[in-house]
Amino acid sequence: MAIGGCATDDDEVTSVTDSDASVESLDPVATSPTTTMTTPIPSATTTFPPGVDVATKDVRTRATDLVGEGVSPEGFSTIVAEVTSADGEVCTVCLWLADVADERVRGLMGVTDLGDAVGMAFVFDDPGEGAFVMIGTPTPLSIGWFDLDGGYVSALDMEPCSESDSSQCERYRPDGPYVVAIEMLQGELDAIGIGAGSTVELLADTESAECGAIG
């Protein structure tokens, strides 16, 4: 299971975004209308940066039908994010980070196991409304979009597309402009508080090679 901490207190991305030029096999970004928090589970294996108060959270990070070793993201760094649900509950989690064009184009293509992160954050320089396409992405995902101020925009569930031509794949679009999109395995967004009325903040100076490596 991956690590997460919860404490009260006109482009197109194809699981790839069109804003990232001509790549036709990208990875998407977040979803979930409700917020259901579960009891934190202590962890003995993962640590977060000094000053970040976290507990371990039980979030599904492997494809449901996966047997044996899965395929995890490669060539990405990680970042710590703080999600505040509509009722004020705070969840601190580790996410894979895709903040440049080629990373956003690759996204979660081919991935069946997220490892120690609970999802992937797609970060853009400017607000946009680019769609996501699930070509080359074998695992059903949920995506949540957030605006420039970190406010929730909308979320959707996304299904894999087996077509060889991305133009034949469904486009998943947000309800408005966004700068951050968070993808998790389908149905897991609400586990960390992502839903209507939630906010997200990517914590400064927490980018690292792997979850818990800062400090």
C-alpha atoms as a PDB file:
ATOM      1  CA  MET A   1       0.000   0.000   0.000  1.00  0.00           C
ATOM      2  CA  ALA A   2       1.086   3.538  -0.622  1.00  0.00           C
ATOM      3  CA  ILE A   3       1.744   6.213   1.909  1.00  0.00           C
ATOM      4  CA  GLY A   4      -0.538   9.066   2.757  1.00  0.00           C
ATOM      5  CA  GLY A   5      -1.048  11.190   5.826  1.00  0.00           C
ATOM      6  CA  CYS A   6      -4.385  12.424   7.068  1.00  0.00           C
ATOM      7  CA  ALA A   7      -4.920  14.655  10.051  1.00  0.00           C
ATOM      8  CA  THR A   8      -7.907  16.731  11.076  1.00  0.00           C
ATOM      9  CA  ASP A   9      -7.146  20.169  11.442  1.00  0.00           C
ATOM     10  CA  ASP A  10      -7.855  23.875 -25.257  1.00  0.00           C
ATOM     11  CA  ASP A  11      -5.259  21.478 -25.141  1.00  0.00           C
ATOM     12  CA  GLU A  12      -5.638  17.843 -24.674  1.00  0.00           C
ATOM     13  CA  VAL A  13      -3.818  15.521 -22.383  1.00  0.00           C
ATOM     14  CA  THR A  14      -3.999  11.956 -23.424  1.00  0.00           C
ATOM     15  CA  SER A  15      -3.657  10.610 -20.192  1.00  0.00           C
ATOM     16  CA  VAL A  16      -1.852  12.980 -22.255  1.00  0.00           C
ATOM     17  CA  THR A  17      -2.828  16.574 -22.618  1.00  0.00           C
ATOM     18  CA  ASP A  18      -3.252  18.379 -25.901  1.00  0.00           C
ATOM     19  CA  SER A  19      -1.493  21.311 -24.338  1.00  0.00           C
ATOM     20  CA  ASP A  20       1.645  19.247 -24.517  1.00  0.00           C
ATOM     21  CA  ALA A  21       1.957  19.378 -28.254  1.00  0.00           C
ATOM     22  CA  SER A  22       1.719  16.403 -30.554  1.00  0.00           C
ATOM     23  CA  VAL A  23       2.037  13.501 -28.163  1.00  0.00           C
ATOM     24  CA  GLU A  24      -0.906  11.169 -28.538  1.00  0.00           C
ATOM     25  CA  SER A  25      -0.518   8.919 -25.566  1.00  0.00           C
ATOM     26  CA  LEU A  26      -0.636  10.734 -22.287  1.00  0.00           C
ATOM     27  CA  ASP A  27      -1.918  10.387 -18.851  1.00  0.00           C
ATOM     28  CA  PRO A  28      -4.903  12.144 -17.167  1.00  0.00           C
ATOM     29  CA  VAL A  29      -5.613  14.134 -13.979  1.00  0.00           C
ATOM     30  CA  ALA A  30      -8.614  13.673 -10.727  1.00  0.00           C
ATOM     31  CA  THR A  31     -12.350  12.835  -9.680  1.00  0.00           C
ATOM     32  CA  SER A  32     -14.899  12.267  -6.895  1.00  0.00           C
ATOM     33  CA  PRO A  33     -17.998  14.063  -5.661  1.00  0.00           C
ATOM     34  CA  THR A  34     -17.865  12.897  -2.068  1.00  0.00           C
ATOM     35  CA  THR A  35     -15.350  12.822   0.742  1.00  0.00           C
ATOM     36  CA  THR A  36     -14.962   9.697   2.863  1.00  0.00           C
ATOM     37  CA  MET A  37     -11.985   9.636   5.188  1.00  0.00           C
ATOM     38  CA  THR A  38     -10.822   6.463   6.885  1.00  0.00           C
ATOM     39  CA  THR A  39      -8.811   5.931  10.063  1.00  0.00           C
ATOM     40  CA  PRO A  40      -5.067   6.516   9.543  1.00  0.00           C
ATOM     41  CA  ILE A  41      -2.935   3.399   9.763  1.00  0.00           C
ATOM     42  CA  PRO A  42       0.505   3.749  11.395  1.00  0.00           C
ATOM     43  CA  SER A  43       3.523   3.244   9.148  1.00  0.00           C
ATOM     44  CA  ALA A  44       6.955   1.963   9.969  1.00  0.00           C
ATOM     45  CA  THR A  45       8.467   2.391   6.525  1.00  0.00           C
ATOM     46  CA  THR A  46       7.853   5.863   5.136  1.00  0.00           C
ATOM     47  CA  THR A  47       8.861   9.270   6.469  1.00  0.00           C
ATOM     48  CA  PHE A  48       8.025  12.752   5.224  1.00  0.00           C
ATOM     49  CA  PRO A  49       9.974  16.009   5.390  1.00  0.00           C
ATOM     50  CA  PRO A  50      10.572  17.597   8.814  1.00  0.00           C
ATOM     51  CA  GLY A  51       7.566  19.634   9.894  1.00  0.00           C
ATOM     52  CA  VAL A  52       5.070  17.665   7.797  1.00  0.00           C
ATOM     53  CA  ASP A  53       2.665  15.942  10.170  1.00  0.00           C
ATOM     54  CA  VAL A  54       1.516  12.734   8.503  1.00  0.00           C
ATOM     55  CA  ALA A  55       0.154   9.311   9.238  1.00  0.00           C
ATOM     56  CA  THR A  56      -0.050   6.350   6.902  1.00  0.00           C
ATOM     57  CA  LYS A  57      -3.199   5.917   4.860  1.00  0.00           C
ATOM     58  CA  ASP A  58      -4.560   2.783   3.268  1.00  0.00           C
ATOM     59  CA  VAL A  59      -5.079   3.704  -0.404  1.00  0.00           C
ATOM     60  CA  ARG A  60      -5.234   1.207  -3.267  1.00  0.00           C
ATOM     61  CA  THR A  61      -2.237   1.750  -5.550  1.00  0.00           C
ATOM     62  CA  ARG A  62      -2.098  -1.486  -7.586  1.00  0.00           C
ATOM     63  CA  ALA A  63      -4.399  -2.548 -10.413  1.00  0.00           C
ATOM     64  CA  THR A  64      -7.186  -4.758  -9.041  1.00  0.00           C
ATOM     65  CA  ASP A  65      -6.398  -7.709 -11.306  1.00  0.00           C
ATOM     66  CA  LEU A  66      -2.610  -7.381 -11.013  1.00  0.00           C
ATOM     67  CA  VAL A  67      -0.762 -10.594 -10.194  1.00  0.00           C
ATOM     68  CA  GLY A  68       2.955 -10.460  -9.351  1.00  0.00           C
ATOM     69  CA  GLU A  69       5.201  -7.484 -10.021  1.00  0.00           C
ATOM     70  CA  GLY A  70       3.568  -4.467 -11.627  1.00  0.00           C
ATOM     71  CA  VAL A  71       4.855  -1.597 -13.742  1.00  0.00           C
ATOM     72  CA  SER A  72       5.618   1.582 -11.780  1.00  0.00           C
ATOM     73  CA  PRO A  73       6.309   5.132 -13.047  1.00  0.00           C
ATOM     74  CA  GLU A  74       9.930   5.720 -14.065  1.00  0.00           C
ATOM     75  CA  GLY A  75      11.836   8.940 -14.605  1.00  0.00           C
ATOM     76  CA  PHE A  76       9.590  11.056 -12.379  1.00  0.00           C
ATOM     77  CA  SER A  77      10.295  12.821  -9.096  1.00  0.00           C
ATOM     78  CA  THR A  78       7.762  12.971  -6.255  1.00  0.00           C
ATOM     79  CA  ILE A  79       6.160  15.801  -4.306  1.00  0.00           C
ATOM     80  CA  VAL A  80       4.194  16.124  -1.079  1.00  0.00           C
ATOM     81  CA  ALA A  81       0.624  17.437  -1.434  1.00  0.00           C
ATOM     82  CA  GLU A  82      -1.832  18.594   1.182  1.00  0.00           C
ATOM     83  CA  VAL A  83      -5.496  17.937   0.393  1.00  0.00           C
ATOM     84  CA  THR A  84      -8.155  19.672   2.481  1.00  0.00           C
ATOM     85  CA  SER A  85     -11.617  18.166   2.132  1.00  0.00           C
ATOM     86  CA  ALA A  86     -14.834  20.184   2.122  1.00  0.00           C
ATOM     87  CA  ASP A  87     -15.309  19.476   5.839  1.00  0.00           C
ATOM     88  CA  GLY A  88     -11.814  20.722   6.714  1.00  0.00           C
ATOM     89  CA  GLU A  89     -10.057  17.385   7.144  1.00  0.00           C
ATOM     90  CA  VAL A  90      -6.448  17.520   5.935  1.00  0.00           C
ATOM     91  CA  CYS A  91      -4.667  14.663   4.189  1.00  0.00           C
ATOM     92  CA  THR A  92      -0.948  14.830   3.366  1.00  0.00           C
ATOM     93  CA  VAL A  93       0.160  12.464   0.616  1.00  0.00           C
ATOM     94  CA  CYS A  94       3.053  11.709  -1.710  1.00  0.00           C
ATOM     95  CA  LEU A  95       2.427  12.035  -5.459  1.00  0.00           C
ATOM     96  CA  TRP A  96       4.467  11.401  -8.566  1.00  0.00           C
ATOM     97  CA  LEU A  97       5.150  14.758 -10.259  1.00  0.00           C
ATOM     98  CA  ALA A  98       4.672  15.492 -13.971  1.00  0.00           C
ATOM     99  CA  ASP A  99       5.404  19.203 -14.420  1.00  0.00           C
ATOM    100  CA  VAL A 100       7.088  19.400 -17.833  1.00  0.00           C
ATOM    101  CA  ALA A 101       5.658  18.533 -21.237  1.00  0.00           C
ATOM    102  CA  ASP A 102       7.337  15.172 -21.846  1.00  0.00           C
ATOM    103  CA  GLU A 103       6.420  13.951 -18.351  1.00  0.00           C
ATOM    104  CA  ARG A 104       2.802  15.015 -18.773  1.00  0.00           C
ATOM    105  CA  VAL A 105       2.688  13.197 -22.094  1.00  0.00           C
ATOM    106  CA  ARG A 106       3.938   9.936 -20.551  1.00  0.00           C
ATOM    107  CA  GLY A 107       1.913  10.253 -17.358  1.00  0.00           C
ATOM    108  CA  LEU A 108       0.672   6.866 -16.179  1.00  0.00           C
ATOM    109  CA  MET A 109       0.927   5.121 -19.551  1.00  0.00           C
ATOM    110  CA  GLY A 110       1.698   1.456 -19.006  1.00  0.00           C
ATOM    111  CA  VAL A 111       1.552   1.815 -15.202  1.00  0.00           C
ATOM    112  CA  THR A 112      -0.168  -0.842 -13.077  1.00  0.00           C
ATOM    113  CA  ASP A 113       1.463  -0.121  -9.694  1.00  0.00           C
ATOM    114  CA  LEU A 114       1.992   3.364  -8.195  1.00  0.00           C
ATOM    115  CA  GLY A 115       4.477   2.147  -5.599  1.00  0.00           C
ATOM    116  CA  ASP A 116       4.798   4.384  -2.508  1.00  0.00           C
ATOM    117  CA  ALA A 117       2.897   7.309  -4.051  1.00  0.00           C
ATOM    118  CA  VAL A 118      -0.900   7.437  -4.072  1.00  0.00           C
ATOM    119  CA  GLY A 119      -1.194   9.063  -7.494  1.00  0.00           C
ATOM    120  CA  MET A 120       0.331  11.514  -9.968  1.00  0.00           C
ATOM    121  CA  ALA A 121       0.077  15.318 -10.088  1.00  0.00           C
ATOM    122  CA  PHE A 122       0.070  16.974 -13.514  1.00  0.00           C
ATOM    123  CA  VAL A 123       1.168  20.590 -13.122  1.00  0.00           C
ATOM    124  CA  PHE A 124       0.852  23.274 -15.812  1.00  0.00           C
ATOM    125  CA  ASP A 125       2.362  26.755 -16.064  1.00  0.00           C
ATOM    126  CA  ASP A 126      -0.897  28.426 -17.062  1.00  0.00           C
ATOM    127  CA  PRO A 127      -4.611  27.638 -16.633  1.00  0.00           C
ATOM    128  CA  GLY A 128      -6.148  25.584 -19.433  1.00  0.00           C
ATOM    129  CA  GLU A 129      -9.010  23.228 -20.198  1.00  0.00           C
ATOM    130  CA  GLY A 130      -7.167  20.477 -22.076  1.00  0.00           C
ATOM    131  CA  ALA A 131      -8.782  17.032 -22.151  1.00  0.00           C
ATOM    132  CA  PHE A 132      -7.187  13.752 -21.112  1.00  0.00           C
ATOM    133  CA  VAL A 133      -7.126  10.613 -23.258  1.00  0.00           C
ATOM    134  CA  MET A 134      -6.506   7.130 -21.841  1.00  0.00           C
ATOM    135  CA  ILE A 135      -4.607   5.643 -24.780  1.00  0.00           C
ATOM    136  CA  GLY A 136      -1.776   3.387 -23.639  1.00  0.00           C
ATOM    137  CA  THR A 137      -3.003   3.562 -20.022  1.00  0.00           C
ATOM    138  CA  PRO A 138      -4.062   0.046 -18.933  1.00  0.00           C
ATOM    139  CA  THR A 139      -5.496   0.855 -15.499  1.00  0.00           C
ATOM    140  CA  PRO A 140      -8.867   2.572 -14.884  1.00  0.00           C
ATOM    141  CA  LEU A 141      -8.200   5.942 -13.240  1.00  0.00           C
ATOM    142  CA  SER A 142      -9.983   8.817 -11.557  1.00  0.00           C
ATOM    143  CA  ILE A 143      -8.865  12.369 -12.172  1.00  0.00           C
ATOM    144  CA  GLY A 144      -9.482  15.572 -10.241  1.00  0.00           C
ATOM    145  CA  TRP A 145      -8.769  19.060 -11.561  1.00  0.00           C
ATOM    146  CA  PHE A 146      -7.808  22.116  -9.467  1.00  0.00           C
ATOM    147  CA  ASP A 147      -7.612  25.802 -10.385  1.00  0.00           C
ATOM    148  CA  LEU A 148      -4.877  28.395  -9.904  1.00  0.00           C
ATOM    149  CA  ASP A 149      -5.865  28.921  -6.259  1.00  0.00           C
ATOM    150  CA  GLY A 150      -5.942  25.187  -5.539  1.00  0.00           C
ATOM    151  CA  GLY A 151      -9.727  25.008  -5.609  1.00  0.00           C
ATOM    152  CA  TYR A 152     -11.583  21.920  -6.851  1.00  0.00           C
ATOM    153  CA  VAL A 153     -12.876  22.234 -10.428  1.00  0.00           C
ATOM    154  CA  SER A 154     -14.341  18.805 -11.192  1.00  0.00           C
ATOM    155  CA  ALA A 155     -13.484  15.094 -11.347  1.00  0.00           C
ATOM    156  CA  LEU A 156     -14.179  12.104 -13.575  1.00  0.00           C
ATOM    157  CA  ASP A 157     -13.619   8.364 -13.784  1.00  0.00           C
ATOM    158  CA  MET A 158     -11.639   7.325 -16.863  1.00  0.00           C
ATOM    159  CA  GLU A 159     -11.468   3.995 -18.670  1.00  0.00           C
ATOM    160  CA  PRO A 160      -8.505   2.541 -20.646  1.00  0.00           C
ATOM    161  CA  CYS A 161      -8.615   2.965 -24.428  1.00  0.00           C
ATOM    162  CA  SER A 162      -7.302   0.057 -26.505  1.00  0.00           C
ATOM    163  CA  GLU A 163      -7.455   1.894 -29.839  1.00  0.00           C
ATOM    164  CA  SER A 164      -4.202   2.514 -31.714  1.00  0.00           C
ATOM    165  CA  ASP A 165      -5.463   5.917 -32.876  1.00  0.00           C
ATOM    166  CA  SER A 166      -6.042   8.378 -30.018  1.00  0.00           C
ATOM    167  CA  SER A 167      -8.704  10.180 -32.070  1.00  0.00           C
ATOM    168  CA  GLN A 168     -10.897   7.128 -31.460  1.00  0.00           C
ATOM    169  CA  CYS A 169     -10.541   7.432 -27.676  1.00  0.00           C
ATOM    170  CA  GLU A 170     -12.909   9.259 -25.353  1.00  0.00           C
ATOM    171  CA  ARG A 171     -11.865  12.744 -24.232  1.00  0.00           C
ATOM    172  CA  TYR A 172     -12.168  13.514 -20.522  1.00  0.00           C
ATOM    173  CA  ARG A 173     -12.611  17.240 -19.915  1.00  0.00           C
ATOM    174  CA  PRO A 174     -12.847  19.353 -16.737  1.00  0.00           C
ATOM    175  CA  ASP A 175     -15.696  21.760 -16.037  1.00  0.00           C
ATOM    176  CA  GLY A 176     -13.359  24.753 -16.180  1.00  0.00           C
ATOM    177  CA  PRO A 177      -9.723  25.953 -16.314  1.00  0.00           C
ATOM    178  CA  TYR A 178      -7.171  24.101 -14.187  1.00  0.00           C
ATOM    179  CA  VAL A 179      -3.441  24.139 -13.454  1.00  0.00           C
ATOM    180  CA  VAL A 180      -3.175  20.915 -11.450  1.00  0.00           C
ATOM    181  CA  ALA A 181      -4.700  17.524 -12.184  1.00  0.00           C
ATOM    182  CA  ILE A 182      -4.367  14.550  -9.866  1.00  0.00           C
ATOM    183  CA  GLU A 183      -4.769  10.997 -11.098  1.00  0.00           C
ATOM    184  CA  MET A 184      -5.315   8.016  -8.825  1.00  0.00           C
ATOM    185  CA  LEU A 185      -6.561   4.496  -9.359  1.00  0.00           C
ATOM    186  CA  GLN A 186     -10.260   4.616 -10.113  1.00  0.00           C
ATOM    187  CA  GLY A 187     -12.418   5.221  -7.048  1.00  0.00           C
ATOM    188  CA  GLU A 188      -9.601   6.352  -4.738  1.00  0.00           C
ATOM    189  CA  LEU A 189      -9.916  10.151  -4.924  1.00  0.00           C
ATOM    190  CA  ASP A 190     -12.363  10.364  -2.050  1.00  0.00           C
ATOM    191  CA  ALA A 191      -9.998   8.321   0.142  1.00  0.00           C
ATOM    192  CA  ILE A 192      -7.742  11.376   0.470  1.00  0.00           C
ATOM    193  CA  GLY A 193     -10.523  13.967   0.508  1.00  0.00           C
ATOM    194  CA  ILE A 194     -10.704  15.020  -3.164  1.00  0.00           C
ATOM    195  CA  GLY A 195     -14.231  16.068  -4.053  1.00  0.00           C
ATOM    196  CA  ALA A 196     -16.511  19.075  -4.376  1.00  0.00           C
ATOM    197  CA  GLY A 197     -15.319  21.835  -2.061  1.00  0.00           C
ATOM    198  CA  SER A 198     -11.834  20.427  -1.543  1.00  0.00           C
ATOM    199  CA  THR A 199      -8.526  22.208  -2.138  1.00  0.00           C
ATOM    200  CA  VAL A 200      -5.008  21.014  -2.899  1.00  0.00           C
ATOM    201  CA  GLU A 201      -1.584  22.517  -2.211  1.00  0.00           C
ATOM    202  CA  LEU A 202       1.693  21.114  -3.539  1.00  0.00           C
ATOM    203  CA  LEU A 203       4.115  21.863  -0.709  1.00  0.00           C
ATOM    204  CA  ALA A 204       7.154  23.951  -1.618  1.00  0.00           C
ATOM    205  CA  ASP A 205      10.604  22.374  -1.306  1.00  0.00           C
ATOM    206  CA  THR A 206       9.274  18.814  -1.020  1.00  0.00           C
ATOM    207  CA  GLU A 207      10.210  17.549  -4.501  1.00  0.00           C
ATOM    208  CA  SER A 208      12.473  14.510  -4.219  1.00  0.00           C
ATOM    209  CA  ALA A 209      13.527  11.360  -6.027  1.00  0.00           C
ATOM    210  CA  GLU A 210      11.134   9.180  -4.054  1.00  0.00           C
ATOM    211  CA  CYS A 211       8.526   9.403  -1.311  1.00  0.00           C
ATOM    212  CA  GLY A 212      10.055  10.211   2.053  1.00  0.00           C
ATOM    213  CA  ALA A 213      13.504  11.003   0.642  1.00  0.00           C
ATOM    214  CA  ILE A 214      13.592  14.624   1.819  1.00  0.00           C
ATOM    215  CA  GLY A 215      15.155  15.535   5.092  1.00  0.00           C
END
